Amino acid sequence: MKIGELAEQLKTTISALRFYEQKGLVHPGRSEGGTRQYSEEDARRFQAILDFAALDIPLEQIKALARVRESSSTGNQASRKAQAHLHELEETLTALRDRLDCALDDISQARRKLEACHGCLRKPVRSVCEACPVAPDLLDCQVMRVIWDEELHA
């Protein structure tokens, strides 16, 4: 398939696909006229790369995984390198999961605390909310600092 079709299938941009190709992560075939021709395997590889990128896995880490086989002279060497890179990836994802769990807990806590504000008829500005007995508890949540930290601009 052509790059435009692949981009549409993967719900990404042509420039994103070209970027990863330029970084040496995918090597599509070419037609006689030189047009890139992507196989279903190329599509699956791109999807895996895009999924890692969406998780903020550093490009260098993705490239290291992609080059394990080409940089190894034996299956033993490749498997050991792959395991080391997979261990590093696992640590990266575990740290990300821990951060996500903390953020989700913070959001759940904020939602529970905000229930005390249901039915409030006062203007939601810092100068008014600071007098409310609920306010100090709300600001215990990190996400509430985004919601309530600045005065509303009229």
Protein backbone atom coordinates (compact mmCIF):
# COMPACT_ATOMS: atom_id res chain seq x y z
CA MET A 1 0.00 0.00 0.00
CA LYS A 2 1.07 3.60 -0.45
CA ILE A 3 2.08 5.91 2.37
CA GLY A 4 -1.17 7.90 2.32
CA GLU A 5 -3.23 4.74 2.67
CA LEU A 6 -1.01 3.54 5.49
CA ALA A 7 -1.25 6.86 7.32
CA GLU A 8 -5.04 6.75 7.05
CA GLN A 9 -5.15 3.11 8.23
CA LEU A 10 -2.93 3.91 11.24
CA LYS A 11 -4.68 7.22 11.97
CA THR A 12 -1.42 9.16 11.78
CA THR A 13 0.27 11.55 9.41
CA ILE A 14 2.46 10.90 6.41
CA SER A 15 5.15 13.03 8.03
CA ALA A 16 5.12 10.82 11.14
CA LEU A 17 5.61 7.72 9.01
CA ARG A 18 8.41 9.37 7.05
CA PHE A 19 10.04 10.48 10.30
CA TYR A 20 10.23 6.91 11.61
CA GLU A 21 11.41 5.68 8.24
CA GLN A 22 14.17 8.33 8.19
CA LYS A 23 15.21 7.16 11.65
CA GLY A 24 15.73 3.69 10.17
CA LEU A 25 12.92 1.97 12.04
CA VAL A 26 11.04 0.76 8.95
CA HIS A 27 12.40 -0.16 5.52
CA PRO A 28 9.55 -0.37 3.00
CA GLY A 29 9.87 -1.90 -0.41
CA ARG A 30 9.80 0.22 -3.54
CA SER A 31 7.91 -0.07 -6.79
CA GLU A 32 9.77 -0.05 -10.11
CA GLY A 33 9.09 3.69 -10.23
CA GLY A 34 10.59 4.19 -6.76
CA THR A 35 7.31 4.69 -4.87
CA ARG A 36 7.31 3.31 -1.35
CA GLN A 37 5.21 0.17 -1.03
CA TYR A 38 4.23 -0.78 2.51
CA SER A 39 3.37 -4.35 3.42
CA GLU A 40 1.01 -5.47 6.17
CA GLU A 41 4.11 -6.32 8.21
CA ASP A 42 5.33 -2.73 7.74
CA ALA A 43 1.92 -1.55 8.97
CA ARG A 44 2.13 -3.76 12.07
CA ARG A 45 5.68 -2.56 12.77
CA PHE A 46 4.62 1.08 12.40
CA GLN A 47 1.67 0.47 14.73
CA ALA A 48 3.99 -0.94 17.38
CA ILE A 49 6.33 2.06 16.99
CA LEU A 50 3.43 4.52 17.15
CA ASP A 51 2.08 2.78 20.26
CA PHE A 52 5.45 3.09 22.00
CA ALA A 53 5.75 6.72 20.92
CA ALA A 54 2.25 7.43 22.29
CA LEU A 55 3.50 6.11 25.64
CA ASP A 56 6.40 8.59 25.51
CA ILE A 57 8.96 5.84 25.10
CA PRO A 58 12.12 7.70 24.05
CA LEU A 59 13.01 7.35 20.38
CA GLU A 60 16.48 6.10 21.31
CA GLN A 61 14.90 3.25 23.26
CA ILE A 62 12.67 2.30 20.31
CA LYS A 63 15.67 2.48 17.95
CA ALA A 64 17.71 0.25 20.24
CA LEU A 65 14.96 -2.37 20.15
CA ALA A 66 14.65 -2.08 16.37
CA ARG A 67 18.38 -2.62 15.85
CA VAL A 68 18.92 -5.61 18.14
CA ARG A 69 19.01 -8.21 15.39
CA GLU A 70 21.04 -6.21 12.88
CA SER A 71 23.63 -5.37 15.54
CA SER A 72 24.06 -8.99 16.64
CA SER A 73 26.11 -11.76 15.08
CA THR A 74 24.33 -14.68 16.76
CA GLY A 75 20.90 -15.54 18.04
CA ASN A 76 22.36 -15.83 21.52
CA GLN A 77 23.74 -12.31 21.36
CA ALA A 78 20.50 -10.95 19.88
CA SER A 79 18.33 -12.62 22.51
CA ARG A 80 20.48 -11.35 25.36
CA LYS A 81 20.49 -7.80 23.93
CA ALA A 82 16.74 -7.98 23.39
CA GLN A 83 16.19 -9.13 26.96
CA ALA A 84 18.30 -6.25 28.30
CA HIS A 85 16.37 -3.73 26.19
CA LEU A 86 13.05 -5.29 27.18
CA HIS A 87 14.04 -5.04 30.84
CA GLU A 88 14.79 -1.33 30.33
CA LEU A 89 11.47 -0.88 28.51
CA GLU A 90 9.66 -2.65 31.33
CA GLU A 91 11.26 -0.28 33.87
CA THR A 92 10.26 2.73 31.76
CA LEU A 93 6.67 1.52 31.47
CA THR A 94 6.47 0.62 35.17
CA ALA A 95 7.57 4.16 36.08
CA LEU A 96 4.96 5.53 33.64
CA ARG A 97 2.27 3.29 35.13
CA ASP A 98 3.18 4.50 38.62
CA ARG A 99 2.88 8.13 37.49
CA LEU A 100 -0.46 7.37 35.81
CA ASP A 101 -1.75 5.59 38.92
CA CYS A 102 -0.84 8.64 41.04
CA ALA A 103 -2.55 10.98 38.58
CA LEU A 104 -5.68 8.81 38.50
CA ASP A 105 -5.79 8.66 42.29
CA ASP A 106 -5.42 12.45 42.45
CA ILE A 107 -8.25 12.92 39.95
CA SER A 108 -10.52 10.51 41.86
CA GLN A 109 -9.79 12.36 45.10
CA ALA A 110 -10.53 15.73 43.44
CA ARG A 111 -13.82 14.44 42.02
CA ARG A 112 -14.93 13.24 45.45
CA LYS A 113 -13.97 16.54 47.07
CA LEU A 114 -15.67 18.60 44.35
CA GLU A 115 -19.00 17.03 45.24
CA ALA A 116 -19.04 19.45 48.18
CA CYS A 117 -19.19 22.30 45.63
CA HIS A 118 -22.29 20.96 43.88
CA GLY A 119 -25.07 23.47 44.30
CA CYS A 120 -22.74 26.38 45.12
CA LEU A 121 -24.16 29.60 43.66
CA ARG A 122 -21.13 31.80 44.29
CA LYS A 123 -18.73 32.89 41.53
CA PRO A 124 -15.88 30.34 41.28
CA VAL A 125 -12.96 32.71 41.82
CA ARG A 126 -10.08 32.37 44.26
CA SER A 127 -11.11 35.39 46.37
CA VAL A 128 -14.57 33.90 46.96
CA CYS A 129 -13.56 30.24 47.19
CA GLU A 130 -10.80 30.87 49.73
CA ALA A 131 -13.48 31.76 52.30
CA CYS A 132 -15.23 28.43 51.69
CA PRO A 133 -14.44 25.62 54.16
CA VAL A 134 -14.10 23.20 51.22
CA ALA A 135 -11.26 25.14 49.52
CA PRO A 136 -8.28 23.93 51.58
CA ASP A 137 -9.21 20.29 50.97
CA LEU A 138 -9.62 20.87 47.24
CA LEU A 139 -6.12 22.27 46.92
CA ASP A 140 -4.69 19.08 48.42
CA CYS A 141 -5.24 17.60 44.95
CA GLN A 142 -2.64 18.38 42.31
CA VAL A 143 -5.20 18.58 39.51
CA MET A 144 -7.13 21.22 41.42
CA ARG A 145 -4.09 23.51 41.21
CA VAL A 146 -4.67 23.55 37.46
CA ILE A 147 -8.38 24.23 37.86
CA TRP A 148 -8.33 26.74 40.72
CA ASP A 149 -4.88 28.25 40.95
CA GLU A 150 -5.46 31.43 38.93
CA GLU A 151 -8.17 34.07 39.21
CA LEU A 152 -10.68 33.91 36.40
CA HIS A 153 -10.15 36.65 33.86
CA ALA A 154 -13.28 38.62 33.12
